[in-house]
N, C-alpha and C. Protein backbone atom coordinates (compact mmCIF):
# COMPACT_ATOMS: atom_id res chain seq x y z
N MET A 1 -13.58 5.62 31.71
CA MET A 1 -14.15 6.63 30.85
C MET A 1 -15.57 6.93 31.31
N THR A 2 -15.91 8.17 31.26
CA THR A 2 -17.24 8.61 31.63
C THR A 2 -18.18 8.52 30.43
N PRO A 3 -19.32 7.86 30.57
CA PRO A 3 -20.26 7.79 29.45
C PRO A 3 -20.82 9.17 29.09
N PHE A 4 -21.22 9.31 27.86
CA PHE A 4 -21.84 10.56 27.42
C PHE A 4 -23.19 10.72 28.13
N THR A 5 -23.53 11.95 28.41
CA THR A 5 -24.84 12.23 29.01
C THR A 5 -25.90 12.23 27.91
N ALA A 6 -27.14 12.15 28.31
CA ALA A 6 -28.24 12.18 27.34
C ALA A 6 -28.23 13.49 26.56
N GLN A 7 -27.88 14.58 27.23
CA GLN A 7 -27.82 15.89 26.57
C GLN A 7 -26.70 15.91 25.52
N GLU A 8 -25.54 15.32 25.83
CA GLU A 8 -24.43 15.28 24.87
C GLU A 8 -24.80 14.42 23.66
N ILE A 9 -25.46 13.31 23.89
CA ILE A 9 -25.88 12.44 22.78
C ILE A 9 -26.89 13.16 21.90
N LYS A 10 -27.80 13.89 22.53
CA LYS A 10 -28.80 14.65 21.77
C LYS A 10 -28.11 15.71 20.90
N ALA A 11 -27.10 16.38 21.44
CA ALA A 11 -26.36 17.40 20.68
C ALA A 11 -25.60 16.76 19.51
N MET A 12 -24.98 15.60 19.75
CA MET A 12 -24.25 14.92 18.67
C MET A 12 -25.20 14.45 17.58
N THR A 13 -26.36 13.95 17.97
CA THR A 13 -27.35 13.51 16.99
C THR A 13 -27.84 14.68 16.15
N ALA A 14 -28.07 15.82 16.78
CA ALA A 14 -28.51 17.02 16.05
C ALA A 14 -27.44 17.46 15.06
N ARG A 15 -26.18 17.39 15.48
CA ARG A 15 -25.10 17.79 14.57
C ARG A 15 -25.00 16.83 13.38
N CYS A 16 -25.13 15.53 13.64
CA CYS A 16 -25.11 14.54 12.55
C CYS A 16 -26.25 14.78 11.57
N ASP A 17 -27.43 15.07 12.10
CA ASP A 17 -28.59 15.34 11.24
C ASP A 17 -28.37 16.59 10.40
N ALA A 18 -27.75 17.62 10.98
CA ALA A 18 -27.46 18.86 10.24
C ALA A 18 -26.46 18.59 9.13
N LEU A 19 -25.44 17.78 9.40
CA LEU A 19 -24.45 17.46 8.37
C LEU A 19 -25.07 16.60 7.26
N GLU A 20 -25.97 15.71 7.64
CA GLU A 20 -26.68 14.91 6.63
C GLU A 20 -27.51 15.82 5.73
N GLY A 21 -28.17 16.81 6.31
CA GLY A 21 -28.95 17.75 5.53
C GLY A 21 -28.10 18.57 4.58
N ARG A 22 -26.89 18.88 5.01
CA ARG A 22 -25.99 19.70 4.20
C ARG A 22 -25.29 18.89 3.10
N PHE A 23 -24.85 17.67 3.45
CA PHE A 23 -24.02 16.90 2.53
C PHE A 23 -24.68 15.66 1.95
N GLY A 24 -25.83 15.25 2.48
CA GLY A 24 -26.54 14.09 1.95
C GLY A 24 -26.46 12.88 2.85
N LYS A 25 -27.35 11.93 2.60
CA LYS A 25 -27.45 10.72 3.43
C LYS A 25 -26.21 9.84 3.31
N GLU A 26 -25.46 9.98 2.24
CA GLU A 26 -24.26 9.17 2.04
C GLU A 26 -23.24 9.37 3.16
N MET A 27 -23.30 10.50 3.84
CA MET A 27 -22.33 10.80 4.89
C MET A 27 -22.43 9.82 6.06
N HIS A 28 -23.53 9.07 6.17
CA HIS A 28 -23.66 8.08 7.23
C HIS A 28 -22.86 6.82 6.90
N ASN A 29 -22.46 6.64 5.66
CA ASN A 29 -21.72 5.44 5.24
C ASN A 29 -20.22 5.67 5.41
N ASP A 30 -19.48 4.57 5.54
CA ASP A 30 -18.03 4.68 5.52
C ASP A 30 -17.62 5.28 4.19
N TYR A 31 -16.70 6.21 4.22
CA TYR A 31 -16.20 6.88 3.02
C TYR A 31 -17.29 7.59 2.23
N GLY A 32 -18.36 7.98 2.91
CA GLY A 32 -19.46 8.69 2.26
C GLY A 32 -19.04 10.01 1.64
N TRP A 33 -17.98 10.59 2.19
CA TRP A 33 -17.47 11.85 1.65
C TRP A 33 -17.00 11.71 0.20
N ALA A 34 -16.69 10.50 -0.24
CA ALA A 34 -16.21 10.28 -1.61
C ALA A 34 -17.32 9.85 -2.56
N SER A 35 -18.54 9.72 -2.08
CA SER A 35 -19.62 9.17 -2.90
C SER A 35 -19.94 10.01 -4.12
N VAL A 36 -19.91 11.31 -4.01
CA VAL A 36 -20.24 12.17 -5.16
C VAL A 36 -19.15 12.05 -6.23
N ALA A 37 -17.90 12.12 -5.83
CA ALA A 37 -16.80 12.07 -6.80
C ALA A 37 -16.74 10.72 -7.51
N LEU A 38 -17.05 9.64 -6.79
CA LEU A 38 -16.99 8.30 -7.38
C LEU A 38 -18.31 7.85 -7.99
N LYS A 39 -19.34 8.66 -7.83
CA LYS A 39 -20.69 8.33 -8.33
C LYS A 39 -21.12 6.95 -7.81
N ASN A 40 -20.89 6.75 -6.52
CA ASN A 40 -21.22 5.48 -5.87
C ASN A 40 -21.69 5.84 -4.46
N PRO A 41 -22.92 5.47 -4.08
CA PRO A 41 -23.42 5.85 -2.76
C PRO A 41 -22.71 5.18 -1.60
N LYS A 42 -22.04 4.05 -1.85
CA LYS A 42 -21.31 3.34 -0.78
C LYS A 42 -19.92 2.93 -1.27
N PRO A 43 -19.03 3.90 -1.49
CA PRO A 43 -17.69 3.54 -1.97
C PRO A 43 -16.89 2.84 -0.87
N ASN A 44 -15.90 2.06 -1.30
CA ASN A 44 -14.99 1.45 -0.33
C ASN A 44 -13.58 1.97 -0.59
N PHE A 45 -12.65 1.60 0.28
CA PHE A 45 -11.31 2.15 0.20
C PHE A 45 -10.61 1.74 -1.11
N ALA A 46 -10.84 0.52 -1.56
CA ALA A 46 -10.22 0.07 -2.80
C ALA A 46 -10.68 0.92 -3.99
N GLN A 47 -11.95 1.32 -4.00
CA GLN A 47 -12.46 2.16 -5.09
C GLN A 47 -11.84 3.56 -5.03
N ILE A 48 -11.62 4.06 -3.84
CA ILE A 48 -10.98 5.37 -3.70
C ILE A 48 -9.54 5.29 -4.18
N GLU A 49 -8.84 4.22 -3.82
CA GLU A 49 -7.46 4.02 -4.29
C GLU A 49 -7.41 3.99 -5.81
N LYS A 50 -8.32 3.27 -6.41
CA LYS A 50 -8.33 3.15 -7.87
C LYS A 50 -8.60 4.51 -8.51
N ALA A 51 -9.56 5.26 -7.99
CA ALA A 51 -9.89 6.58 -8.54
C ALA A 51 -8.71 7.55 -8.41
N ALA A 52 -7.89 7.36 -7.37
CA ALA A 52 -6.74 8.24 -7.14
C ALA A 52 -5.48 7.69 -7.82
N SER A 53 -5.64 6.63 -8.60
CA SER A 53 -4.52 5.96 -9.29
C SER A 53 -3.44 5.49 -8.31
N LEU A 54 -3.89 5.02 -7.16
CA LEU A 54 -2.97 4.49 -6.15
C LEU A 54 -3.21 3.01 -5.89
N ASP A 55 -4.04 2.38 -6.72
CA ASP A 55 -4.38 0.97 -6.50
C ASP A 55 -3.20 0.04 -6.71
N HIS A 56 -2.15 0.50 -7.39
CA HIS A 56 -0.98 -0.35 -7.60
C HIS A 56 -0.24 -0.60 -6.27
N TRP A 57 -0.53 0.17 -5.23
CA TRP A 57 0.09 -0.03 -3.92
C TRP A 57 -0.65 -1.07 -3.09
N ARG A 58 -1.85 -1.44 -3.45
CA ARG A 58 -2.66 -2.37 -2.64
C ARG A 58 -1.94 -3.68 -2.33
N PRO A 59 -1.27 -4.34 -3.26
CA PRO A 59 -0.62 -5.61 -2.92
C PRO A 59 0.52 -5.46 -1.89
N ARG A 60 1.03 -4.27 -1.76
CA ARG A 60 2.15 -4.07 -0.85
C ARG A 60 1.63 -3.82 0.51
């Protein structure tokens, strides 16, 4: 695999910063897209399952 160039990394960083400005700092966290709906800045998958009433599937 070819490593990213410095220019590509700079472009990706700029895009991440723009998305953070648009959607908030929570987007840097895992599952940050669900933070507003769950009123939790760092939600985890189990919390998303519970909010979607799918937590009964977790033991399986």
